[in-house]
N, C-alpha and C. Protein backbone atom coordinates (compact mmCIF):
# COMPACT_ATOMS: atom_id res chain seq x y z
N MET A 1 -25.93 -56.23 -10.30
CA MET A 1 -25.66 -56.97 -11.51
C MET A 1 -24.29 -56.55 -12.04
N THR A 2 -23.50 -57.52 -12.46
CA THR A 2 -22.15 -57.23 -12.95
C THR A 2 -22.21 -56.56 -14.31
N ARG A 3 -21.13 -55.90 -14.67
CA ARG A 3 -21.04 -55.25 -15.98
C ARG A 3 -21.17 -56.28 -17.10
N ALA A 4 -20.58 -57.45 -16.94
CA ALA A 4 -20.68 -58.50 -17.96
C ALA A 4 -22.12 -58.96 -18.13
N ALA A 5 -22.82 -59.10 -17.02
CA ALA A 5 -24.23 -59.52 -17.11
C ALA A 5 -25.06 -58.44 -17.79
N LYS A 6 -24.78 -57.17 -17.49
CA LYS A 6 -25.49 -56.08 -18.15
C LYS A 6 -25.23 -56.10 -19.64
N ALA A 7 -24.00 -56.34 -20.04
CA ALA A 7 -23.64 -56.34 -21.46
C ALA A 7 -24.32 -57.46 -22.21
N ASN A 8 -24.63 -58.56 -21.54
CA ASN A 8 -25.25 -59.70 -22.21
C ASN A 8 -26.77 -59.60 -22.28
N ARG A 9 -27.36 -58.64 -21.58
CA ARG A 9 -28.81 -58.49 -21.64
C ARG A 9 -29.21 -57.83 -22.94
N THR A 10 -30.44 -58.05 -23.33
CA THR A 10 -30.96 -57.36 -24.50
C THR A 10 -31.85 -56.23 -24.03
N CYS A 11 -31.89 -55.18 -24.80
CA CYS A 11 -32.73 -54.03 -24.45
C CYS A 11 -34.15 -54.27 -24.94
N ALA A 12 -35.06 -53.52 -24.39
CA ALA A 12 -36.44 -53.58 -24.84
C ALA A 12 -36.51 -53.16 -26.30
N PRO A 13 -37.40 -53.78 -27.08
CA PRO A 13 -37.48 -53.44 -28.50
C PRO A 13 -37.94 -52.00 -28.72
N ALA A 14 -37.43 -51.41 -29.79
CA ALA A 14 -37.83 -50.06 -30.16
C ALA A 14 -39.20 -50.09 -30.83
N ALA A 15 -39.82 -48.93 -30.90
CA ALA A 15 -41.13 -48.82 -31.54
C ALA A 15 -41.01 -49.18 -33.02
N ASP A 16 -42.04 -49.81 -33.53
CA ASP A 16 -42.09 -50.20 -34.93
C ASP A 16 -42.33 -48.96 -35.78
N ARG A 17 -41.46 -48.71 -36.74
CA ARG A 17 -41.57 -47.51 -37.59
C ARG A 17 -41.98 -47.86 -39.02
N ARG A 18 -42.43 -49.09 -39.25
CA ARG A 18 -42.89 -49.45 -40.59
C ARG A 18 -44.07 -48.57 -40.98
N GLY A 19 -44.15 -48.25 -42.25
CA GLY A 19 -45.25 -47.44 -42.74
C GLY A 19 -44.96 -45.95 -42.75
N VAL A 20 -43.87 -45.53 -42.11
CA VAL A 20 -43.48 -44.12 -42.14
C VAL A 20 -42.82 -43.86 -43.49
N PRO A 21 -43.24 -42.79 -44.20
CA PRO A 21 -42.61 -42.49 -45.49
C PRO A 21 -41.09 -42.38 -45.36
N VAL A 22 -40.39 -42.82 -46.40
CA VAL A 22 -38.92 -42.87 -46.39
C VAL A 22 -38.30 -41.52 -46.06
N ASP A 23 -38.79 -40.45 -46.66
CA ASP A 23 -38.20 -39.14 -46.40
C ASP A 23 -38.38 -38.72 -44.94
N GLU A 24 -39.54 -39.04 -44.36
CA GLU A 24 -39.77 -38.71 -42.95
C GLU A 24 -38.89 -39.56 -42.04
N ARG A 25 -38.73 -40.84 -42.37
CA ARG A 25 -37.90 -41.71 -41.54
C ARG A 25 -36.45 -41.27 -41.58
N LEU A 26 -35.96 -40.92 -42.77
CA LEU A 26 -34.58 -40.44 -42.87
C LEU A 26 -34.41 -39.17 -42.06
N ALA A 27 -35.38 -38.28 -42.10
CA ALA A 27 -35.30 -37.04 -41.32
C ALA A 27 -35.28 -37.34 -39.82
N GLU A 28 -36.08 -38.31 -39.37
CA GLU A 28 -36.08 -38.70 -37.95
C GLU A 28 -34.72 -39.21 -37.52
N LEU A 29 -34.18 -40.12 -38.32
CA LEU A 29 -32.89 -40.71 -37.98
C LEU A 29 -31.76 -39.68 -38.06
N ALA A 30 -31.83 -38.80 -39.06
CA ALA A 30 -30.80 -37.76 -39.20
C ALA A 30 -30.85 -36.81 -38.01
N TRP A 31 -32.05 -36.50 -37.51
CA TRP A 31 -32.19 -35.66 -36.33
C TRP A 31 -31.48 -36.33 -35.14
N GLY A 32 -31.57 -37.64 -35.09
CA GLY A 32 -30.94 -38.37 -34.00
C GLY A 32 -29.43 -38.19 -33.94
N ILE A 33 -28.80 -38.02 -35.08
CA ILE A 33 -27.34 -37.87 -35.11
C ILE A 33 -26.92 -36.43 -35.44
N ALA A 34 -27.86 -35.51 -35.33
CA ALA A 34 -27.60 -34.12 -35.72
C ALA A 34 -26.85 -33.30 -34.66
N HIS A 35 -26.41 -33.94 -33.61
CA HIS A 35 -25.65 -33.23 -32.57
C HIS A 35 -24.43 -34.07 -32.21
N PRO A 36 -23.28 -33.42 -32.06
CA PRO A 36 -22.05 -34.17 -31.75
C PRO A 36 -22.13 -35.04 -30.49
N LEU A 37 -22.86 -34.59 -29.47
CA LEU A 37 -22.99 -35.41 -28.25
C LEU A 37 -23.79 -36.68 -28.51
N ARG A 38 -24.79 -36.59 -29.39
CA ARG A 38 -25.56 -37.79 -29.70
C ARG A 38 -24.71 -38.78 -30.50
N VAL A 39 -23.87 -38.27 -31.37
CA VAL A 39 -22.95 -39.15 -32.10
C VAL A 39 -22.01 -39.81 -31.10
N LYS A 40 -21.49 -39.06 -30.16
CA LYS A 40 -20.58 -39.60 -29.14
C LYS A 40 -21.29 -40.66 -28.30
N ILE A 41 -22.54 -40.41 -27.92
CA ILE A 41 -23.30 -41.39 -27.14
C ILE A 41 -23.45 -42.68 -27.93
N LEU A 42 -23.76 -42.58 -29.21
CA LEU A 42 -23.86 -43.79 -30.05
C LEU A 42 -22.52 -44.53 -30.09
N GLN A 43 -21.43 -43.80 -30.19
CA GLN A 43 -20.11 -44.43 -30.19
C GLN A 43 -19.84 -45.15 -28.87
N ILE A 44 -20.20 -44.52 -27.76
CA ILE A 44 -20.02 -45.14 -26.44
C ILE A 44 -20.83 -46.42 -26.35
N LEU A 45 -22.09 -46.34 -26.75
CA LEU A 45 -22.97 -47.51 -26.66
C LEU A 45 -22.52 -48.62 -27.61
N THR A 46 -21.99 -48.28 -28.75
CA THR A 46 -21.49 -49.29 -29.69
C THR A 46 -20.30 -50.03 -29.09
N ARG A 47 -19.43 -49.30 -28.41
CA ARG A 47 -18.26 -49.92 -27.77
C ARG A 47 -18.65 -50.82 -26.60
N ARG A 48 -19.64 -50.41 -25.85
CA ARG A 48 -19.98 -51.10 -24.60
C ARG A 48 -21.10 -52.12 -24.72
N GLN A 49 -21.81 -52.18 -25.80
CA GLN A 49 -22.96 -53.06 -26.00
C GLN A 49 -24.19 -52.55 -25.26
N SER A 50 -24.08 -52.19 -24.01
CA SER A 50 -25.17 -51.57 -23.26
C SER A 50 -24.58 -50.72 -22.15
N CYS A 51 -25.37 -49.80 -21.62
CA CYS A 51 -24.83 -48.85 -20.67
C CYS A 51 -25.97 -48.17 -19.92
N VAL A 52 -25.77 -47.86 -18.66
CA VAL A 52 -26.73 -47.05 -17.94
C VAL A 52 -26.32 -45.59 -18.06
N CYS A 53 -27.27 -44.71 -17.88
CA CYS A 53 -27.04 -43.28 -18.09
C CYS A 53 -25.82 -42.76 -17.33
N GLY A 54 -25.66 -43.17 -16.07
CA GLY A 54 -24.54 -42.69 -15.27
C GLY A 54 -23.19 -43.04 -15.86
N GLU A 55 -23.09 -44.21 -16.49
CA GLU A 55 -21.83 -44.60 -17.13
C GLU A 55 -21.55 -43.74 -18.35
N ILE A 56 -22.60 -43.34 -19.06
CA ILE A 56 -22.43 -42.47 -20.22
C ILE A 56 -22.00 -41.08 -19.75
N VAL A 57 -22.64 -40.59 -18.69
CA VAL A 57 -22.31 -39.28 -18.14
C VAL A 57 -20.83 -39.22 -17.75
N ASP A 58 -20.32 -40.31 -17.20
CA ASP A 58 -18.91 -40.35 -16.77
C ASP A 58 -17.95 -40.14 -17.94
N GLU A 59 -18.37 -40.42 -19.16
CA GLU A 59 -17.50 -40.29 -20.32
C GLU A 59 -17.67 -38.98 -21.08
N LEU A 60 -18.61 -38.15 -20.65
CA LEU A 60 -18.89 -36.91 -21.38
C LEU A 60 -18.71 -35.69 -20.47
N PRO A 61 -18.31 -34.56 -21.06
CA PRO A 61 -18.06 -33.36 -20.25
C PRO A 61 -19.30 -32.49 -20.07
N VAL A 62 -20.47 -33.14 -19.87
CA VAL A 62 -21.72 -32.39 -19.70
C VAL A 62 -22.50 -32.95 -18.52
N ALA A 63 -23.51 -32.22 -18.10
CA ALA A 63 -24.33 -32.63 -16.96
C ALA A 63 -25.20 -33.83 -17.30
N GLN A 64 -25.60 -34.55 -16.25
CA GLN A 64 -26.47 -35.72 -16.41
C GLN A 64 -27.77 -35.34 -17.10
N SER A 65 -28.32 -34.19 -16.79
CA SER A 65 -29.59 -33.77 -17.41
C SER A 65 -29.43 -33.57 -18.91
N THR A 66 -28.28 -33.10 -19.33
CA THR A 66 -28.02 -32.91 -20.77
C THR A 66 -27.92 -34.26 -21.45
N VAL A 67 -27.21 -35.20 -20.84
CA VAL A 67 -27.11 -36.55 -21.40
C VAL A 67 -28.49 -37.18 -21.50
N SER A 68 -29.30 -37.04 -20.46
CA SER A 68 -30.65 -37.60 -20.47
C SER A 68 -31.49 -37.02 -21.60
N GLN A 69 -31.34 -35.74 -21.84
CA GLN A 69 -32.07 -35.09 -22.93
C GLN A 69 -31.67 -35.68 -24.28
N HIS A 70 -30.38 -35.88 -24.49
CA HIS A 70 -29.90 -36.46 -25.75
C HIS A 70 -30.29 -37.93 -25.88
N LEU A 71 -30.27 -38.67 -24.77
CA LEU A 71 -30.73 -40.06 -24.80
C LEU A 71 -32.20 -40.14 -25.19
N LYS A 72 -32.98 -39.21 -24.70
CA LYS A 72 -34.42 -39.17 -25.03
C LYS A 72 -34.61 -39.00 -26.54
N ILE A 73 -33.87 -38.10 -27.15
CA ILE A 73 -33.98 -37.86 -28.59
C ILE A 73 -33.55 -39.10 -29.36
N LEU A 74 -32.44 -39.72 -28.96
CA LEU A 74 -31.97 -40.93 -29.63
C LEU A 74 -32.99 -42.06 -29.51
N LYS A 75 -33.63 -42.15 -28.37
CA LYS A 75 -34.63 -43.19 -28.16
C LYS A 75 -35.89 -42.91 -28.98
N GLU A 76 -36.32 -41.65 -29.02
CA GLU A 76 -37.51 -41.28 -29.77
C GLU A 76 -37.38 -41.58 -31.26
N CYS A 77 -36.19 -41.38 -31.81
CA CYS A 77 -36.01 -41.65 -33.23
C CYS A 77 -35.70 -43.13 -33.49
N GLY A 78 -35.47 -43.89 -32.42
CA GLY A 78 -35.28 -45.32 -32.56
C GLY A 78 -33.85 -45.80 -32.68
N LEU A 79 -32.87 -44.89 -32.61
CA LEU A 79 -31.48 -45.30 -32.75
C LEU A 79 -30.95 -46.05 -31.53
N ILE A 80 -31.58 -45.82 -30.38
CA ILE A 80 -31.23 -46.59 -29.19
C ILE A 80 -32.49 -47.15 -28.57
N GLN A 81 -32.31 -48.13 -27.72
CA GLN A 81 -33.39 -48.76 -26.98
C GLN A 81 -33.03 -48.69 -25.51
N GLY A 82 -34.03 -48.77 -24.66
CA GLY A 82 -33.76 -48.74 -23.24
C GLY A 82 -34.62 -49.74 -22.49
N GLU A 83 -34.04 -50.29 -21.43
CA GLU A 83 -34.74 -51.24 -20.57
C GLU A 83 -34.61 -50.75 -19.14
N VAL A 84 -35.74 -50.67 -18.45
CA VAL A 84 -35.73 -50.22 -17.06
C VAL A 84 -35.10 -51.31 -16.21
N ASP A 85 -34.14 -50.90 -15.38
CA ASP A 85 -33.45 -51.81 -14.47
C ASP A 85 -33.51 -51.17 -13.09
N GLY A 86 -34.64 -51.36 -12.41
CA GLY A 86 -34.83 -50.70 -11.13
C GLY A 86 -34.95 -49.20 -11.34
N PRO A 87 -34.15 -48.41 -10.62
CA PRO A 87 -34.23 -46.96 -10.78
C PRO A 87 -33.45 -46.45 -12.00
N ARG A 88 -32.78 -47.34 -12.71
CA ARG A 88 -31.94 -46.94 -13.84
C ARG A 88 -32.51 -47.48 -15.14
N VAL A 89 -32.03 -46.91 -16.25
CA VAL A 89 -32.39 -47.42 -17.57
C VAL A 89 -31.10 -47.85 -18.25
N CYS A 90 -31.11 -49.07 -18.77
CA CYS A 90 -29.96 -49.62 -19.49
C CYS A 90 -30.20 -49.37 -20.98
N TYR A 91 -29.29 -48.67 -21.63
CA TYR A 91 -29.45 -48.32 -23.04
C TYR A 91 -28.53 -49.16 -23.92
N CYS A 92 -28.98 -49.39 -25.15
CA CYS A 92 -28.13 -50.04 -26.16
C CYS A 92 -28.52 -49.51 -27.54
N VAL A 93 -27.61 -49.69 -28.49
CA VAL A 93 -27.85 -49.27 -29.86
C VAL A 93 -28.86 -50.21 -30.51
N ASN A 94 -29.78 -49.65 -31.25
CA ASN A 94 -30.72 -50.43 -32.04
C ASN A 94 -30.04 -50.66 -33.40
N SER A 95 -29.39 -51.79 -33.55
CA SER A 95 -28.61 -52.05 -34.76
C SER A 95 -29.48 -52.06 -36.02
N LYS A 96 -30.73 -52.44 -35.88
CA LYS A 96 -31.64 -52.43 -37.03
C LYS A 96 -31.85 -51.00 -37.52
N ALA A 97 -32.10 -50.07 -36.61
CA ALA A 97 -32.30 -48.66 -36.97
C ALA A 97 -31.01 -48.05 -37.51
N LEU A 98 -29.87 -48.42 -36.94
CA LEU A 98 -28.60 -47.91 -37.43
C LEU A 98 -28.36 -48.39 -38.86
N GLY A 99 -28.69 -49.65 -39.13
CA GLY A 99 -28.57 -50.18 -40.48
C GLY A 99 -29.54 -49.49 -41.43
N GLU A 100 -30.73 -49.19 -40.93
CA GLU A 100 -31.72 -48.47 -41.73
C GLU A 100 -31.19 -47.09 -42.11
N LEU A 101 -30.57 -46.40 -41.15
CA LEU A 101 -30.00 -45.08 -41.42
C LEU A 101 -28.92 -45.18 -42.50
N LYS A 102 -28.05 -46.15 -42.36
CA LYS A 102 -26.98 -46.33 -43.36
C LYS A 102 -27.57 -46.58 -44.74
N SER A 103 -28.59 -47.41 -44.81
CA SER A 103 -29.23 -47.73 -46.08
C SER A 103 -29.91 -46.52 -46.69
N LEU A 104 -30.64 -45.78 -45.88
CA LEU A 104 -31.34 -44.58 -46.39
C LEU A 104 -30.36 -43.53 -46.90
N ILE A 105 -29.26 -43.36 -46.20
CA ILE A 105 -28.25 -42.41 -46.65
C ILE A 105 -27.60 -42.86 -47.95
N SER A 106 -27.30 -44.14 -48.04
CA SER A 106 -26.66 -44.64 -49.28
C SER A 106 -27.59 -44.54 -50.49
N ASP A 107 -28.91 -44.52 -50.25
CA ASP A 107 -29.87 -44.40 -51.34
C ASP A 107 -30.09 -42.97 -51.81
N LEU A 108 -29.50 -41.99 -51.13
CA LEU A 108 -29.70 -40.59 -51.52
C LEU A 108 -29.17 -40.30 -52.90
């Protein structure tokens, strides 16, 4: 699949987090961006629209296993989404969750 085709695909939807108390949700999202590498991964995904793990690894000075660990945290808190594409996972930013984070922070 071409890079353009990958960029035009949508990722699988993130888990529904409705009903989680506001303070807990803010803490989840803040944990997602609590490490500089996770912030960098979000920046990479925002620029590219979607990306497979190997492409993210190519842009960071850390091992693939470290990137995978940070992707897992970002996915668990809902800031990114992933879609299985054969042996790879295509990741993208969950713009709804990112907007939620911005809103929760502005309400502090």
